[in-house]
Amino acid sequence: MSSHFIKYLGLLPIYVLLQVLVLNEVLFSAYINPFLYVLLIISLPLKTPKWFLLIYAFLLGFAIDLFSGSLGFHSTATVLIAFVKPLFSKITIPHNILGDSDEITLKKVGTKSYITFSILLIIIHHSCLFITEHLSINFSLFGKVLASSIVTLIIVLITQLFQQDK
């Protein structure tokens, strides 16, 4: 398990820089903001200790907040999805196909389970993020959550397809 700690701590600055320098600058419209960094939380193994999962999620969100100039919005959203991840994994992922240290990937859990699991966490992340940013709930915010979630899921799936070739 310690190799996963090192791997994910090494991936953290790469995904933060990719998010801040590339994806935050590419707005598909006023409603669509893709957040690829959620993939790091999604793909952590199921048996990751809760303390590491929550601290890692906070550090990831804090780094995005720091470079984006936001005030804890990303930290709140990433800690929330890290908190609910074990619950949703029990509901959506068949546990008999993953070992204790297996990462959650498209190839290992299957397309249906992976998409269901990912889209639930992505929608929760985006809902929390956008509601705390705007401090309101309205129809245009719902559209922003839905559109951003779909684009984020597509980018996550594309990333997973490229990782399968390894």
Protein backbone atom coordinates (compact mmCIF):
# COMPACT_ATOMS: atom_id res chain seq x y z
CA MET A 1 0.00 0.00 0.00
CA SER A 2 2.89 2.39 0.63
CA SER A 3 3.77 2.28 -3.08
CA HIS A 4 0.32 3.73 -3.78
CA PHE A 5 0.97 6.54 -1.29
CA ILE A 6 4.18 7.47 -3.11
CA LYS A 7 2.60 7.14 -6.55
CA TYR A 8 -0.39 9.32 -5.71
CA LEU A 9 1.70 11.93 -3.90
CA GLY A 10 3.84 12.11 -7.06
CA LEU A 11 0.77 12.44 -9.29
CA LEU A 12 -0.69 15.25 -7.17
CA PRO A 13 1.50 18.10 -8.51
CA ILE A 14 1.14 16.83 -12.09
CA TYR A 15 -2.66 16.86 -11.97
CA VAL A 16 -2.73 20.18 -10.10
CA LEU A 17 -0.55 21.83 -12.74
CA LEU A 18 -2.56 20.26 -15.56
CA GLN A 19 -5.77 21.52 -13.99
CA VAL A 20 -4.54 25.02 -13.19
CA LEU A 21 -2.45 25.72 -16.29
CA VAL A 22 -4.53 23.95 -18.94
CA LEU A 23 -8.06 22.96 -17.96
CA ASN A 24 -8.91 26.10 -15.96
CA GLU A 25 -7.90 28.18 -18.97
CA VAL A 26 -10.00 26.20 -21.44
CA LEU A 27 -13.63 27.10 -20.89
CA PHE A 28 -15.86 25.35 -23.41
CA SER A 29 -18.59 27.86 -22.63
CA ALA A 30 -19.67 29.77 -19.57
CA TYR A 31 -21.21 26.57 -18.20
CA ILE A 32 -18.57 23.90 -18.76
CA ASN A 33 -15.53 23.56 -16.48
CA PRO A 34 -13.82 20.14 -16.61
CA PHE A 35 -12.05 19.00 -13.44
CA LEU A 36 -9.74 16.09 -14.25
CA TYR A 37 -8.13 16.08 -10.81
CA VAL A 38 -11.11 14.17 -9.36
CA LEU A 39 -9.68 11.13 -11.16
CA LEU A 40 -7.02 10.89 -8.45
CA ILE A 41 -9.64 10.39 -5.76
CA ILE A 42 -11.78 8.11 -7.93
CA SER A 43 -8.91 5.76 -8.75
CA LEU A 44 -7.41 5.34 -5.26
CA PRO A 45 -7.72 1.70 -4.12
CA LEU A 46 -10.80 0.73 -2.10
CA LYS A 47 -8.74 -0.34 0.89
CA THR A 48 -6.91 3.00 1.14
CA PRO A 49 -6.93 4.03 4.79
CA LYS A 50 -9.61 6.64 5.45
CA TRP A 51 -7.12 9.01 7.05
CA PHE A 52 -4.96 9.00 3.91
CA LEU A 53 -7.96 9.37 1.60
CA LEU A 54 -9.29 12.41 3.48
CA ILE A 55 -5.92 14.11 3.94
CA TYR A 56 -4.99 13.45 0.31
CA ALA A 57 -8.33 14.86 -0.87
CA PHE A 58 -7.83 17.95 1.26
CA LEU A 59 -4.27 18.50 -0.04
CA LEU A 60 -5.44 18.07 -3.62
CA GLY A 61 -8.32 20.50 -3.19
CA PHE A 62 -6.17 22.94 -1.24
CA ALA A 63 -3.52 22.97 -3.98
CA ILE A 64 -6.18 23.69 -6.62
CA ASP A 65 -7.67 26.41 -4.39
CA LEU A 66 -4.24 27.93 -3.82
CA PHE A 67 -3.42 28.23 -7.51
CA SER A 68 -6.97 29.12 -8.60
CA GLY A 69 -7.46 31.88 -6.05
CA SER A 70 -10.59 30.31 -4.61
CA LEU A 71 -11.39 30.17 -0.93
CA GLY A 72 -11.66 26.49 -0.04
CA PHE A 73 -14.30 25.57 -2.61
CA HIS A 74 -12.25 22.75 -4.16
CA SER A 75 -11.05 21.54 -0.76
CA THR A 76 -14.62 21.21 0.44
CA ALA A 77 -15.74 19.35 -2.68
CA THR A 78 -12.78 16.94 -2.74
CA VAL A 79 -13.09 16.08 0.96
CA LEU A 80 -16.82 15.47 0.46
CA ILE A 81 -16.28 12.98 -2.37
CA ALA A 82 -13.47 11.30 -0.43
CA PHE A 83 -15.88 10.95 2.49
CA VAL A 84 -18.69 9.39 0.41
CA LYS A 85 -16.42 7.30 -1.86
CA PRO A 86 -16.47 4.14 0.34
CA LEU A 87 -20.28 4.20 0.46
CA PHE A 88 -20.72 4.60 -3.29
CA SER A 89 -18.07 1.98 -4.00
CA LYS A 90 -20.05 -0.57 -1.98
CA ILE A 91 -23.15 0.22 -4.02
CA THR A 92 -21.65 0.39 -7.52
CA ILE A 93 -18.48 -1.74 -7.64
CA PRO A 94 -18.48 -5.52 -7.27
CA HIS A 95 -15.88 -6.02 -4.51
CA ASN A 96 -15.00 -9.58 -5.44
CA ILE A 97 -13.18 -8.43 -8.59
CA LEU A 98 -10.74 -6.06 -6.87
CA GLY A 99 -7.86 -6.94 -4.60
CA ASP A 100 -7.01 -4.89 -1.54
CA SER A 101 -4.44 -2.77 -3.34
CA ASP A 102 -6.03 -2.66 -6.81
CA GLU A 103 -6.73 0.78 -8.17
CA ILE A 104 -10.22 1.51 -9.41
CA THR A 105 -9.82 1.59 -13.18
CA LEU A 106 -12.11 1.14 -16.16
CA LYS A 107 -10.34 -2.07 -17.11
CA LYS A 108 -10.56 -3.67 -13.65
CA VAL A 109 -14.14 -2.88 -12.62
CA GLY A 110 -15.85 -2.81 -16.01
CA THR A 111 -17.41 -0.03 -18.01
CA LYS A 112 -20.85 0.06 -16.38
CA SER A 113 -19.57 -0.01 -12.79
CA TYR A 114 -16.80 2.49 -13.50
CA ILE A 115 -19.07 4.98 -15.25
CA THR A 116 -21.74 4.70 -12.56
CA PHE A 117 -19.22 5.12 -9.74
CA SER A 118 -17.39 7.97 -11.45
CA ILE A 119 -20.43 9.96 -12.50
CA LEU A 120 -21.90 9.81 -8.98
CA LEU A 121 -18.69 11.17 -7.43
CA ILE A 122 -18.26 13.75 -10.21
CA ILE A 123 -21.83 15.05 -9.84
CA ILE A 124 -21.45 15.30 -6.05
CA HIS A 125 -18.11 17.11 -6.49
CA HIS A 126 -19.45 19.55 -9.05
CA SER A 127 -22.68 20.18 -7.14
CA CYS A 128 -20.79 20.98 -3.95
CA LEU A 129 -18.24 23.10 -5.80
CA PHE A 130 -20.69 25.19 -7.81
CA ILE A 131 -23.24 25.61 -5.00
CA THR A 132 -20.55 26.87 -2.62
CA GLU A 133 -19.16 29.17 -5.33
CA HIS A 134 -22.52 30.71 -6.24
CA LEU A 135 -24.29 30.32 -2.88
CA SER A 136 -27.56 29.65 -4.69
CA ILE A 137 -29.42 26.90 -6.45
CA ASN A 138 -31.16 27.66 -9.73
CA PHE A 139 -31.79 26.11 -13.12
CA SER A 140 -28.66 27.55 -14.75
CA LEU A 141 -26.54 26.14 -11.92
CA PHE A 142 -28.14 22.73 -12.49
CA GLY A 143 -27.20 23.01 -16.18
CA LYS A 144 -23.64 23.96 -15.28
CA VAL A 145 -23.32 20.96 -12.94
CA LEU A 146 -24.73 18.59 -15.54
CA ALA A 147 -22.69 19.90 -18.48
CA SER A 148 -19.45 20.08 -16.50
CA SER A 149 -20.03 16.60 -15.08
CA ILE A 150 -20.54 15.08 -18.53
CA VAL A 151 -17.41 16.75 -19.94
CA THR A 152 -15.38 15.74 -16.87
CA LEU A 153 -16.59 12.14 -17.22
CA ILE A 154 -15.61 12.11 -20.90
CA ILE A 155 -12.11 13.40 -20.05
CA VAL A 156 -11.78 10.86 -17.23
CA LEU A 157 -12.83 8.03 -19.58
CA ILE A 158 -10.36 9.19 -22.25
CA THR A 159 -7.62 9.26 -19.62
CA GLN A 160 -8.60 5.74 -18.55
CA LEU A 161 -8.48 4.49 -22.15
CA PHE A 162 -4.93 5.82 -22.52
CA GLN A 163 -3.89 4.21 -19.23
CA GLN A 164 -5.22 0.82 -20.35
CA ASP A 165 -2.50 0.52 -22.98
CA LYS A 166 0.19 0.18 -20.29
